[in-house]
Amino acid sequence: QVQLVESGGGLVQPGGSLRLSCTAPGMPFSFNTMGWYRRAPGKEREFVADITREGTTKYADSVRGRFTISRDSTRRTVYLQLNNLEPEDTAVYFCTAVLLIRTTTTYWGQGTQVTVSS
């Protein structure tokens, strides 16, 4: 059973930074696309960013230029650097990872809370 474990969330003031991490302990295979979604209070879950196996990145308009997604060389860990945070970025952030072995399987983490407040 693949488990994605997120870390790095917390409380930060507007303009501050956080770095989120997501990894799959003991995962024997590398993932294809990995990414991040978020769900703000009272809102639907929305796409934040993703990165393909080849390293191509994509961002939501609301975070482009402030957030940076990256992954390690094993393609089992993905990071999200959050800079210049705004109160509107307050949400639970979820990691996602796609595994392509005969079939396509998408895994989700449990989420990590990011709160931006003064």
PDB file of N, CA and C in Angstrom:
ATOM      1  N   GLN A   1       0.839  -1.176   0.000  1.00  0.00           N
ATOM      2  CA  GLN A   1       0.000   0.000   0.000  1.00  0.00           C
ATOM      3  C   GLN A   1       0.889   1.246   0.000  1.00  0.00           C
ATOM      4  N   VAL A   2       0.710   2.092  -1.016  1.00  0.00           N
ATOM      5  CA  VAL A   2       1.511   3.306  -1.118  1.00  0.00           C
ATOM      6  C   VAL A   2       0.918   4.377  -0.223  1.00  0.00           C
ATOM      7  N   GLN A   3       1.766   4.989   0.586  1.00  0.00           N
ATOM      8  CA  GLN A   3       1.338   6.103   1.432  1.00  0.00           C
ATOM      9  C   GLN A   3       2.162   7.323   1.092  1.00  0.00           C
ATOM     10  N   LEU A   4       1.510   8.448   0.922  1.00  0.00           N
ATOM     11  CA  LEU A   4       2.194   9.719   0.729  1.00  0.00           C
ATOM     12  C   LEU A   4       2.147  10.480   2.041  1.00  0.00           C
ATOM     13  N   VAL A   5       3.303  10.934   2.484  1.00  0.00           N
ATOM     14  CA  VAL A   5       3.407  11.630   3.758  1.00  0.00           C
ATOM     15  C   VAL A   5       3.870  13.052   3.502  1.00  0.00           C
ATOM     16  N   GLU A   6       3.034  14.015   3.883  1.00  0.00           N
ATOM     17  CA  GLU A   6       3.368  15.429   3.701  1.00  0.00           C
ATOM     18  C   GLU A   6       3.910  16.001   5.006  1.00  0.00           C
ATOM     19  N   SER A   7       4.727  17.028   4.874  1.00  0.00           N
ATOM     20  CA  SER A   7       5.231  17.747   6.035  1.00  0.00           C
ATOM     21  C   SER A   7       5.564  19.166   5.614  1.00  0.00           C
ATOM     22  N   GLY A   8       5.753  20.032   6.621  1.00  0.00           N
ATOM     23  CA  GLY A   8       6.203  21.388   6.344  1.00  0.00           C
ATOM     24  C   GLY A   8       5.146  22.462   6.493  1.00  0.00           C
ATOM     25  N   GLY A   9       3.908  22.088   6.745  1.00  0.00           N
ATOM     26  CA  GLY A   9       2.882  23.093   6.929  1.00  0.00           C
ATOM     27  C   GLY A   9       3.050  23.827   8.249  1.00  0.00           C
ATOM     28  N   GLY A  10       2.249  24.877   8.427  1.00  0.00           N
ATOM     29  CA  GLY A  10       2.318  25.625   9.670  1.00  0.00           C
ATOM     30  C   GLY A  10       1.671  26.976   9.560  1.00  0.00           C
ATOM     31  N   LEU A  11       1.942  27.799  10.567  1.00  0.00           N
ATOM     32  CA  LEU A  11       1.409  29.155  10.628  1.00  0.00           C
ATOM     33  C   LEU A  11       2.512  30.128  10.238  1.00  0.00           C
ATOM     34  N   VAL A  12       2.213  31.038   9.337  1.00  0.00           N
ATOM     35  CA  VAL A  12       3.205  31.994   8.875  1.00  0.00           C
ATOM     36  C   VAL A  12       2.526  33.337   8.646  1.00  0.00           C
ATOM     37  N   GLN A  13       3.271  34.404   8.791  1.00  0.00           N
ATOM     38  CA  GLN A  13       2.728  35.737   8.561  1.00  0.00           C
ATOM     39  C   GLN A  13       2.678  36.049   7.064  1.00  0.00           C
ATOM     40  N   PRO A  14       1.802  36.948   6.654  1.00  0.00           N
ATOM     41  CA  PRO A  14       1.783  37.363   5.243  1.00  0.00           C
ATOM     42  C   PRO A  14       3.165  37.820   4.793  1.00  0.00           C
ATOM     43  N   GLY A  15       3.521  37.384   3.597  1.00  0.00           N
ATOM     44  CA  GLY A  15       4.846  37.680   3.075  1.00  0.00           C
ATOM     45  C   GLY A  15       5.889  36.647   3.429  1.00  0.00           C
ATOM     46  N   GLY A  16       5.549  35.732   4.304  1.00  0.00           N
ATOM     47  CA  GLY A  16       6.492  34.701   4.738  1.00  0.00           C
ATOM     48  C   GLY A  16       6.589  33.545   3.763  1.00  0.00           C
ATOM     49  N   SER A  17       7.377  32.545   4.153  1.00  0.00           N
ATOM     50  CA  SER A  17       7.642  31.391   3.294  1.00  0.00           C
ATOM     51  C   SER A  17       7.506  30.087   4.066  1.00  0.00           C
ATOM     52  N   LEU A  18       7.189  29.052   3.339  1.00  0.00           N
ATOM     53  CA  LEU A  18       7.167  27.692   3.864  1.00  0.00           C
ATOM     54  C   LEU A  18       7.644  26.762   2.762  1.00  0.00           C
ATOM     55  N   ARG A  19       8.117  25.598   3.172  1.00  0.00           N
ATOM     56  CA  ARG A  19       8.480  24.567   2.200  1.00  0.00           C
ATOM     57  C   ARG A  19       7.771  23.289   2.582  1.00  0.00           C
ATOM     58  N   LEU A  20       6.937  22.804   1.685  1.00  0.00           N
ATOM     59  CA  LEU A  20       6.228  21.553   1.900  1.00  0.00           C
ATOM     60  C   LEU A  20       6.993  20.407   1.246  1.00  0.00           C
ATOM     61  N   SER A  21       6.939  19.255   1.882  1.00  0.00           N
ATOM     62  CA  SER A  21       7.564  18.052   1.332  1.00  0.00           C
ATOM     63  C   SER A  21       6.551  16.926   1.304  1.00  0.00           C
ATOM     64  N   CYS A  22       6.726  16.029   0.373  1.00  0.00           N
ATOM     65  CA  CYS A  22       5.843  14.863   0.268  1.00  0.00           C
ATOM     66  C   CYS A  22       6.688  13.693  -0.218  1.00  0.00           C
ATOM     67  N   THR A  23       6.646  12.607   0.532  1.00  0.00           N
ATOM     68  CA  THR A  23       7.423  11.448   0.149  1.00  0.00           C
ATOM     69  C   THR A  23       6.640  10.174   0.405  1.00  0.00           C
ATOM     70  N   ALA A  24       7.073   9.101  -0.200  1.00  0.00           N
ATOM     71  CA  ALA A  24       6.431   7.796  -0.036  1.00  0.00           C
ATOM     72  C   ALA A  24       7.452   6.845   0.583  1.00  0.00           C
ATOM     73  N   PRO A  25       7.424   6.687   1.891  1.00  0.00           N
ATOM     74  CA  PRO A  25       8.407   5.827   2.556  1.00  0.00           C
ATOM     75  C   PRO A  25       8.357   4.392   2.042  1.00  0.00           C
ATOM     76  N   GLY A  26       9.514   3.852   1.683  1.00  0.00           N
ATOM     77  CA  GLY A  26       9.579   2.468   1.249  1.00  0.00           C
ATOM     78  C   GLY A  26       9.076   2.203  -0.148  1.00  0.00           C
ATOM     79  N   MET A  27       8.774   3.248  -0.891  1.00  0.00           N
ATOM     80  CA  MET A  27       8.241   3.067  -2.239  1.00  0.00           C
ATOM     81  C   MET A  27       9.324   2.516  -3.167  1.00  0.00           C
ATOM     82  N   PRO A  28       9.118   1.358  -3.783  1.00  0.00           N
ATOM     83  CA  PRO A  28      10.163   0.762  -4.617  1.00  0.00           C
ATOM     84  C   PRO A  28      10.213   1.324  -6.037  1.00  0.00           C
ATOM     85  N   PHE A  29       9.164   2.033  -6.450  1.00  0.00           N
ATOM     86  CA  PHE A  29       9.110   2.549  -7.808  1.00  0.00           C
ATOM     87  C   PHE A  29       9.097   4.072  -7.800  1.00  0.00           C
ATOM     88  N   SER A  30       9.495   4.661  -8.905  1.00  0.00           N
ATOM     89  CA  SER A  30       9.413   6.110  -9.013  1.00  0.00           C
ATOM     90  C   SER A  30       8.067   6.495  -9.618  1.00  0.00           C
ATOM     91  N   PHE A  31       7.602   7.670  -9.259  1.00  0.00           N
ATOM     92  CA  PHE A  31       6.330   8.159  -9.745  1.00  0.00           C
ATOM     93  C   PHE A  31       6.481   8.880 -11.078  1.00  0.00           C
ATOM     94  N   ASN A  32       5.398   9.016 -11.781  1.00  0.00           N
ATOM     95  CA  ASN A  32       5.362   9.872 -12.958  1.00  0.00           C
ATOM     96  C   ASN A  32       5.066  11.288 -12.494  1.00  0.00           C
ATOM     97  N   THR A  33       3.920  11.847 -12.839  1.00  0.00           N
ATOM     98  CA  THR A  33       3.607  13.200 -12.417  1.00  0.00           C
ATOM     99  C   THR A  33       3.322  13.256 -10.920  1.00  0.00           C
ATOM    100  N   MET A  34       3.900  14.246 -10.266  1.00  0.00           N
ATOM    101  CA  MET A  34       3.612  14.516  -8.858  1.00  0.00           C
ATOM    102  C   MET A  34       3.151  15.959  -8.744  1.00  0.00           C
ATOM    103  N   GLY A  35       2.310  16.227  -7.747  1.00  0.00           N
ATOM    104  CA  GLY A  35       1.812  17.585  -7.669  1.00  0.00           C
ATOM    105  C   GLY A  35       1.180  17.926  -6.337  1.00  0.00           C
ATOM    106  N   TRP A  36       0.605  19.117  -6.316  1.00  0.00           N
ATOM    107  CA  TRP A  36      -0.040  19.628  -5.110  1.00  0.00           C
ATOM    108  C   TRP A  36      -1.391  20.243  -5.467  1.00  0.00           C
ATOM    109  N   TYR A  37      -2.351  19.987  -4.594  1.00  0.00           N
ATOM    110  CA  TYR A  37      -3.665  20.623  -4.633  1.00  0.00           C
ATOM    111  C   TYR A  37      -3.902  21.254  -3.275  1.00  0.00           C
ATOM    112  N   ARG A  38      -4.904  22.083  -3.184  1.00  0.00           N
ATOM    113  CA  ARG A  38      -5.251  22.665  -1.885  1.00  0.00           C
ATOM    114  C   ARG A  38      -6.754  22.858  -1.780  1.00  0.00           C
ATOM    115  N   ARG A  39      -7.223  22.886  -0.534  1.00  0.00           N
ATOM    116  CA  ARG A  39      -8.629  23.147  -0.267  1.00  0.00           C
ATOM    117  C   ARG A  39      -8.721  24.188   0.830  1.00  0.00           C
ATOM    118  N   ALA A  40      -9.202  25.353   0.445  1.00  0.00           N
ATOM    119  CA  ALA A  40      -9.383  26.444   1.402  1.00  0.00           C
ATOM    120  C   ALA A  40     -10.710  26.261   2.129  1.00  0.00           C
ATOM    121  N   PRO A  41     -10.864  26.857   3.289  1.00  0.00           N
ATOM    122  CA  PRO A  41     -12.116  26.730   4.043  1.00  0.00           C
ATOM    123  C   PRO A  41     -13.314  27.162   3.211  1.00  0.00           C
ATOM    124  N   GLY A  42     -14.312  26.281   3.111  1.00  0.00           N
ATOM    125  CA  GLY A  42     -15.532  26.609   2.393  1.00  0.00           C
ATOM    126  C   GLY A  42     -15.419  26.578   0.884  1.00  0.00           C
ATOM    127  N   LYS A  43     -14.282  26.091   0.360  1.00  0.00           N
ATOM    128  CA  LYS A  43     -14.089  26.078  -1.089  1.00  0.00           C
ATOM    129  C   LYS A  43     -13.794  24.672  -1.575  1.00  0.00           C
ATOM    130  N   GLU A  44     -13.893  24.495  -2.887  1.00  0.00           N
ATOM    131  CA  GLU A  44     -13.564  23.217  -3.498  1.00  0.00           C
ATOM    132  C   GLU A  44     -12.043  23.053  -3.570  1.00  0.00           C
ATOM    133  N   ARG A  45     -11.619  21.813  -3.680  1.00  0.00           N
ATOM    134  CA  ARG A  45     -10.200  21.549  -3.863  1.00  0.00           C
ATOM    135  C   ARG A  45      -9.762  22.089  -5.219  1.00  0.00           C
ATOM    136  N   GLU A  46      -8.576  22.695  -5.257  1.00  0.00           N
ATOM    137  CA  GLU A  46      -8.089  23.273  -6.505  1.00  0.00           C
ATOM    138  C   GLU A  46      -6.650  22.878  -6.766  1.00  0.00           C
ATOM    139  N   PHE A  47      -6.315  22.860  -8.043  1.00  0.00           N
ATOM    140  CA  PHE A  47      -4.957  22.553  -8.480  1.00  0.00           C
ATOM    141  C   PHE A  47      -4.016  23.686  -8.090  1.00  0.00           C
ATOM    142  N   VAL A  48      -2.806  23.311  -7.642  1.00  0.00           N
ATOM    143  CA  VAL A  48      -1.784  24.297  -7.319  1.00  0.00           C
ATOM    144  C   VAL A  48      -0.613  24.211  -8.296  1.00  0.00           C
ATOM    145  N   ALA A  49      -0.017  23.023  -8.391  1.00  0.00           N
ATOM    146  CA  ALA A  49       1.143  22.861  -9.268  1.00  0.00           C
ATOM    147  C   ALA A  49       1.419  21.388  -9.461  1.00  0.00           C
ATOM    148  N   ASP A  50       2.079  21.056 -10.588  1.00  0.00           N
ATOM    149  CA  ASP A  50       2.563  19.694 -10.741  1.00  0.00           C
ATOM    150  C   ASP A  50       3.842  19.677 -11.556  1.00  0.00           C
ATOM    151  N   ILE A  51       4.497  18.511 -11.524  1.00  0.00           N
ATOM    152  CA  ILE A  51       5.764  18.339 -12.221  1.00  0.00           C
ATOM    153  C   ILE A  51       5.783  16.946 -12.827  1.00  0.00           C
ATOM    154  N   THR A  52       6.129  16.860 -14.108  1.00  0.00           N
ATOM    155  CA  THR A  52       6.131  15.580 -14.791  1.00  0.00           C
ATOM    156  C   THR A  52       7.417  14.814 -14.505  1.00  0.00           C
ATOM    157  N   ARG A  53       7.453  13.590 -14.988  1.00  0.00           N
ATOM    158  CA  ARG A  53       8.639  12.752 -14.843  1.00  0.00           C
ATOM    159  C   ARG A  53       9.860  13.425 -15.479  1.00  0.00           C
ATOM    160  N   GLU A  54       9.604  14.149 -16.563  1.00  0.00           N
ATOM    161  CA  GLU A  54      10.698  14.810 -17.282  1.00  0.00           C
ATOM    162  C   GLU A  54      11.077  16.153 -16.658  1.00  0.00           C
ATOM    163  N   GLY A  55      10.287  16.589 -15.670  1.00  0.00           N
ATOM    164  CA  GLY A  55      10.618  17.841 -15.001  1.00  0.00           C
ATOM    165  C   GLY A  55       9.842  19.056 -15.486  1.00  0.00           C
ATOM    166  N   THR A  56       8.869  18.854 -16.354  1.00  0.00           N
ATOM    167  CA  THR A  56       8.048  19.968 -16.822  1.00  0.00           C
ATOM    168  C   THR A  56       7.072  20.369 -15.717  1.00  0.00           C
ATOM    169  N   THR A  57       7.011  21.666 -15.451  1.00  0.00           N
ATOM    170  CA  THR A  57       6.166  22.151 -14.363  1.00  0.00           C
ATOM    171  C   THR A  57       4.966  22.932 -14.891  1.00  0.00           C
ATOM    172  N   LYS A  58       3.921  22.955 -14.073  1.00  0.00           N
ATOM    173  CA  LYS A  58       2.715  23.709 -14.388  1.00  0.00           C
ATOM    174  C   LYS A  58       2.192  24.297 -13.093  1.00  0.00           C
ATOM    175  N   TYR A  59       1.678  25.536 -13.163  1.00  0.00           N
ATOM    176  CA  TYR A  59       1.206  26.226 -11.974  1.00  0.00           C
ATOM    177  C   TYR A  59      -0.171  26.834 -12.196  1.00  0.00           C
ATOM    178  N   ALA A  60      -0.927  26.937 -11.111  1.00  0.00           N
ATOM    179  CA  ALA A  60      -2.159  27.717 -11.153  1.00  0.00           C
ATOM    180  C   ALA A  60      -1.778  29.189 -11.271  1.00  0.00           C
ATOM    181  N   ASP A  61      -2.623  29.960 -11.927  1.00  0.00           N
ATOM    182  CA  ASP A  61      -2.335  31.379 -12.114  1.00  0.00           C
ATOM    183  C   ASP A  61      -2.146  32.095 -10.776  1.00  0.00           C
ATOM    184  N   SER A  62      -2.885  31.662  -9.772  1.00  0.00           N
ATOM    185  CA  SER A  62      -2.869  32.348  -8.479  1.00  0.00           C
ATOM    186  C   SER A  62      -1.551  32.185  -7.726  1.00  0.00           C
ATOM    187  N   VAL A  63      -0.750  31.201  -8.108  1.00  0.00           N
ATOM    188  CA  VAL A  63       0.503  30.961  -7.368  1.00  0.00           C
ATOM    189  C   VAL A  63       1.738  31.126  -8.238  1.00  0.00           C
ATOM    190  N   ARG A  64       1.548  31.269  -9.542  1.00  0.00           N
ATOM    191  CA  ARG A  64       2.712  31.365 -10.438  1.00  0.00           C
ATOM    192  C   ARG A  64       3.561  32.565 -10.059  1.00  0.00           C
ATOM    193  N   GLY A  65       4.869  32.320  -9.959  1.00  0.00           N
ATOM    194  CA  GLY A  65       5.790  33.390  -9.573  1.00  0.00           C
ATOM    195  C   GLY A  65       6.044  33.457  -8.086  1.00  0.00           C
ATOM    196  N   ARG A  66       5.210  32.803  -7.295  1.00  0.00           N
ATOM    197  CA  ARG A  66       5.403  32.788  -5.842  1.00  0.00           C
ATOM    198  C   ARG A  66       5.738  31.393  -5.331  1.00  0.00           C
ATOM    199  N   PHE A  67       5.192  30.374  -5.952  1.00  0.00           N
ATOM    200  CA  PHE A  67       5.428  28.985  -5.539  1.00  0.00           C
ATOM    201  C   PHE A  67       6.334  28.290  -6.550  1.00  0.00           C
ATOM    202  N   THR A  68       7.138  27.363  -6.050  1.00  0.00           N
ATOM    203  CA  THR A  68       8.008  26.574  -6.928  1.00  0.00           C
ATOM    204  C   THR A  68       7.916  25.110  -6.555  1.00  0.00           C
ATOM    205  N   ILE A  69       7.621  24.284  -7.552  1.00  0.00           N
ATOM    206  CA  ILE A  69       7.558  22.845  -7.329  1.00  0.00           C
ATOM    207  C   ILE A  69       8.835  22.203  -7.833  1.00  0.00           C
ATOM    208  N   SER A  70       9.291  21.187  -7.122  1.00  0.00           N
ATOM    209  CA  SER A  70      10.485  20.465  -7.543  1.00  0.00           C
ATOM    210  C   SER A  70      10.394  19.030  -7.015  1.00  0.00           C
ATOM    211  N   ARG A  71      11.286  18.184  -7.498  1.00  0.00           N
ATOM    212  CA  ARG A  71      11.285  16.805  -7.024  1.00  0.00           C
ATOM    213  C   ARG A  71      12.708  16.311  -6.949  1.00  0.00           C
ATOM    214  N   ASP A  72      12.933  15.253  -6.182  1.00  0.00           N
ATOM    215  CA  ASP A  72      14.292  14.740  -6.052  1.00  0.00           C
ATOM    216  C   ASP A  72      14.592  13.791  -7.206  1.00  0.00           C
ATOM    217  N   SER A  73      15.845  13.362  -7.298  1.00  0.00           N
ATOM    218  CA  SER A  73      16.291  12.551  -8.435  1.00  0.00           C
ATOM    219  C   SER A  73      15.675  11.160  -8.443  1.00  0.00           C
ATOM    220  N   THR A  74      15.208  10.700  -7.299  1.00  0.00           N
ATOM    221  CA  THR A  74      14.594   9.372  -7.254  1.00  0.00           C
ATOM    222  C   THR A  74      13.151   9.400  -7.750  1.00  0.00           C
ATOM    223  N   ARG A  75      12.602  10.599  -7.889  1.00  0.00           N
ATOM    224  CA  ARG A  75      11.203  10.796  -8.298  1.00  0.00           C
ATOM    225  C   ARG A  75      10.238  10.125  -7.326  1.00  0.00           C
ATOM    226  N   ARG A  76      10.601  10.162  -6.040  1.00  0.00           N
ATOM    227  CA  ARG A  76       9.708   9.658  -5.004  1.00  0.00           C
ATOM    228  C   ARG A  76       9.339  10.742  -4.005  1.00  0.00           C
ATOM    229  N   THR A  77       9.951  11.909  -4.132  1.00  0.00           N
ATOM    230  CA  THR A  77       9.694  13.020  -3.226  1.00  0.00           C
ATOM    231  C   THR A  77       9.461  14.283  -4.036  1.00  0.00           C
ATOM    232  N   VAL A  78       8.456  15.043  -3.621  1.00  0.00           N
ATOM    233  CA  VAL A  78       8.148  16.304  -4.295  1.00  0.00           C
ATOM    234  C   VAL A  78       8.097  17.407  -3.243  1.00  0.00           C
ATOM    235  N   TYR A  79       8.527  18.589  -3.656  1.00  0.00           N
ATOM    236  CA  TYR A  79       8.570  19.736  -2.766  1.00  0.00           C
ATOM    237  C   TYR A  79       7.729  20.874  -3.344  1.00  0.00           C
ATOM    238  N   LEU A  80       7.263  21.728  -2.451  1.00  0.00           N
ATOM    239  CA  LEU A  80       6.597  22.946  -2.884  1.00  0.00           C
ATOM    240  C   LEU A  80       7.109  24.084  -2.018  1.00  0.00           C
ATOM    241  N   GLN A  81       7.855  24.988  -2.634  1.00  0.00           N
ATOM    242  CA  GLN A  81       8.345  26.176  -1.948  1.00  0.00           C
ATOM    243  C   GLN A  81       7.303  27.263  -2.093  1.00  0.00           C
ATOM    244  N   LEU A  82       6.817  27.756  -0.970  1.00  0.00           N
ATOM    245  CA  LEU A  82       5.780  28.785  -0.961  1.00  0.00           C
ATOM    246  C   LEU A  82       6.400  30.087  -0.470  1.00  0.00           C
ATOM    247  N   ASN A  83       6.491  31.065  -1.336  1.00  0.00           N
ATOM    248  CA  ASN A  83       7.051  32.369  -0.991  1.00  0.00           C
ATOM    249  C   ASN A  83       5.996  33.449  -1.097  1.00  0.00           C
ATOM    250  N   ASN A  84       6.263  34.560  -0.407  1.00  0.00           N
ATOM    251  CA  ASN A  84       5.361  35.704  -0.457  1.00  0.00           C
ATOM    252  C   ASN A  84       3.913  35.267  -0.208  1.00  0.00           C
ATOM    253  N   LEU A  85       3.726  34.530   0.857  1.00  0.00           N
ATOM    254  CA  LEU A  85       2.409  33.971   1.146  1.00  0.00           C
ATOM    255  C   LEU A  85       1.394  35.054   1.473  1.00  0.00           C
ATOM    256  N   GLU A  86       0.166  34.772   1.073  1.00  0.00           N
ATOM    257  CA  GLU A  86      -0.958  35.683   1.291  1.00  0.00           C
ATOM    258  C   GLU A  86      -2.023  34.968   2.108  1.00  0.00           C
ATOM    259  N   PRO A  87      -2.858  35.722   2.835  1.00  0.00           N
ATOM    260  CA  PRO A  87      -3.931  35.059   3.604  1.00  0.00           C
ATOM    261  C   PRO A  87      -4.795  34.140   2.738  1.00  0.00           C
ATOM    262  N   GLU A  88      -4.930  34.476   1.459  1.00  0.00           N
ATOM    263  CA  GLU A  88      -5.744  33.657   0.549  1.00  0.00           C
ATOM    264  C   GLU A  88      -5.105  32.296   0.264  1.00  0.00           C
ATOM    265  N   ASP A  89      -3.860  32.127   0.643  1.00  0.00           N
ATOM    266  CA  ASP A  89      -3.188  30.833   0.468  1.00  0.00           C
ATOM    267  C   ASP A  89      -3.498  29.874   1.607  1.00  0.00           C
ATOM    268  N   THR A  90      -4.194  30.344   2.621  1.00  0.00           N
ATOM    269  CA  THR A  90      -4.559  29.478   3.737  1.00  0.00           C
ATOM    270  C   THR A  90      -5.425  28.329   3.238  1.00  0.00           C
ATOM    271  N   ALA A  91      -4.969  27.106   3.504  1.00  0.00           N
ATOM    272  CA  ALA A  91      -5.665  25.924   3.007  1.00  0.00           C
ATOM    273  C   ALA A  91      -4.978  24.674   3.538  1.00  0.00           C
ATOM    274  N   VAL A  92      -5.639  23.552   3.322  1.00  0.00           N
ATOM    275  CA  VAL A  92      -4.974  22.263   3.498  1.00  0.00           C
ATOM    276  C   VAL A  92      -4.377  21.894   2.147  1.00  0.00           C
ATOM    277  N   TYR A  93      -3.097  21.599   2.149  1.00  0.00           N
ATOM    278  CA  TYR A  93      -2.379  21.264   0.927  1.00  0.00           C
ATOM    279  C   TYR A  93      -2.202  19.750   0.838  1.00  0.00           C
ATOM    280  N   PHE A  94      -2.575  19.205  -0.315  1.00  0.00           N
ATOM    281  CA  PHE A  94      -2.528  17.767  -0.537  1.00  0.00           C
ATOM    282  C   PHE A  94      -1.512  17.436  -1.627  1.00  0.00           C
ATOM    283  N   CYS A  95      -0.725  16.433  -1.361  1.00  0.00           N
ATOM    284  CA  CYS A  95       0.211  15.922  -2.347  1.00  0.00           C
ATOM    285  C   CYS A  95      -0.468  14.839  -3.171  1.00  0.00           C
ATOM    286  N   THR A  96      -0.101  14.749  -4.437  1.00  0.00           N
ATOM    287  CA  THR A  96      -0.625  13.699  -5.293  1.00  0.00           C
ATOM    288  C   THR A  96       0.505  13.125  -6.134  1.00  0.00           C
ATOM    289  N   ALA A  97       0.406  11.844  -6.439  1.00  0.00           N
ATOM    290  CA  ALA A  97       1.449  11.187  -7.224  1.00  0.00           C
ATOM    291  C   ALA A  97       0.815  10.123  -8.107  1.00  0.00           C
ATOM    292  N   VAL A  98       1.278  10.072  -9.337  1.00  0.00           N
ATOM    293  CA  VAL A  98       0.740   9.124 -10.317  1.00  0.00           C
ATOM    294  C   VAL A  98       1.765   8.029 -10.564  1.00  0.00           C
ATOM    295  N   LEU A  99       1.308   6.795 -10.469  1.00  0.00           N
ATOM    296  CA  LEU A  99       2.158   5.636 -10.737  1.00  0.00           C
ATOM    297  C   LEU A  99       1.646   4.949 -11.992  1.00  0.00           C
ATOM    298  N   LEU A 100       2.588   4.712 -12.937  1.00  0.00           N
ATOM    299  CA  LEU A 100       2.227   4.059 -14.199  1.00  0.00           C
ATOM    300  C   LEU A 100       2.926   2.719 -14.286  1.00  0.00           C
ATOM    301  N   ILE A 101       2.253   1.662 -13.845  1.00  0.00           N
ATOM    302  CA  ILE A 101       2.759   0.298 -13.993  1.00  0.00           C
ATOM    303  C   ILE A 101       1.578  -0.536 -14.459  1.00  0.00           C
ATOM    304  N   ARG A 102       1.521  -0.843 -15.701  1.00  0.00           N
ATOM    305  CA  ARG A 102       0.400  -1.542 -16.350  1.00  0.00           C
ATOM    306  C   ARG A 102      -0.863  -0.700 -16.330  1.00  0.00           C
ATOM    307  N   THR A 103      -1.204  -0.154 -15.188  1.00  0.00           N
ATOM    308  CA  THR A 103      -2.359   0.747 -15.089  1.00  0.00           C
ATOM    309  C   THR A 103      -1.921   2.057 -14.447  1.00  0.00           C
ATOM    310  N   THR A 104      -2.812   3.038 -14.528  1.00  0.00           N
ATOM    311  CA  THR A 104      -2.532   4.336 -13.916  1.00  0.00           C
ATOM    312  C   THR A 104      -3.219   4.420 -12.568  1.00  0.00           C
ATOM    313  N   THR A 105      -2.440   4.705 -11.539  1.00  0.00           N
ATOM    314  CA  THR A 105      -2.983   4.844 -10.195  1.00  0.00           C
ATOM    315  C   THR A 105      -2.549   6.186  -9.629  1.00  0.00           C
ATOM    316  N   THR A 106      -3.503   6.923  -9.088  1.00  0.00           N
ATOM    317  CA  THR A 106      -3.213   8.209  -8.469  1.00  0.00           C
ATOM    318  C   THR A 106      -3.350   8.079  -6.963  1.00  0.00           C
ATOM    319  N   TYR A 107      -2.318   8.518  -6.265  1.00  0.00           N
ATOM    320  CA  TYR A 107      -2.299   8.469  -4.808  1.00  0.00           C
ATOM    321  C   TYR A 107      -2.402   9.885  -4.249  1.00  0.00           C
ATOM    322  N   TRP A 108      -3.006   9.975  -3.063  1.00  0.00           N
ATOM    323  CA  TRP A 108      -3.178  11.261  -2.387  1.00  0.00           C
ATOM    324  C   TRP A 108      -2.646  11.174  -0.972  1.00  0.00           C
ATOM    325  N   GLY A 109      -2.053  12.267  -0.516  1.00  0.00           N
ATOM    326  CA  GLY A 109      -1.653  12.352   0.865  1.00  0.00           C
ATOM    327  C   GLY A 109      -2.818  12.798   1.734  1.00  0.00           C
ATOM    328  N   GLN A 110      -2.563  12.832   3.046  1.00  0.00           N
ATOM    329  CA  GLN A 110      -3.611  13.207   4.003  1.00  0.00           C
ATOM    330  C   GLN A 110      -3.770  14.716   4.122  1.00  0.00           C
ATOM    331  N   GLY A 111      -2.795  15.448   3.675  1.00  0.00           N
ATOM    332  CA  GLY A 111      -2.892  16.903   3.718  1.00  0.00           C
ATOM    333  C   GLY A 111      -2.086  17.515   4.856  1.00  0.00           C
ATOM    334  N   THR A 112      -1.618  18.729   4.620  1.00  0.00           N
ATOM    335  CA  THR A 112      -0.911  19.488   5.644  1.00  0.00           C
ATOM    336  C   THR A 112      -1.476  20.909   5.648  1.00  0.00           C
ATOM    337  N   GLN A 113      -1.708  21.437   6.840  1.00  0.00           N
ATOM    338  CA  GLN A 113      -2.368  22.736   6.966  1.00  0.00           C
ATOM    339  C   GLN A 113      -1.359  23.871   6.811  1.00  0.00           C
ATOM    340  N   VAL A 114      -1.706  24.826   5.979  1.00  0.00           N
ATOM    341  CA  VAL A 114      -0.942  26.067   5.843  1.00  0.00           C
ATOM    342  C   VAL A 114      -1.869  27.211   6.226  1.00  0.00           C
ATOM    343  N   THR A 115      -1.452  27.989   7.208  1.00  0.00           N
ATOM    344  CA  THR A 115      -2.248  29.122   7.661  1.00  0.00           C
ATOM    345  C   THR A 115      -1.413  30.395   7.555  1.00  0.00           C
ATOM    346  N   VAL A 116      -1.937  31.364   6.822  1.00  0.00           N
ATOM    347  CA  VAL A 116      -1.239  32.637   6.646  1.00  0.00           C
ATOM    348  C   VAL A 116      -2.052  33.706   7.362  1.00  0.00           C
ATOM    349  N   SER A 117      -1.485  34.216   8.431  1.00  0.00           N
ATOM    350  CA  SER A 117      -2.217  35.176   9.255  1.00  0.00           C
ATOM    351  C   SER A 117      -1.245  36.013  10.067  1.00  0.00           C
ATOM    352  N   SER A 118      -1.618  37.257  10.281  1.00  0.00           N
ATOM    353  CA  SER A 118      -0.798  38.122  11.133  1.00  0.00           C
ATOM    354  C   SER A 118      -1.314  38.088  12.570  1.00  0.00           C
TER     355      SER A 118
END
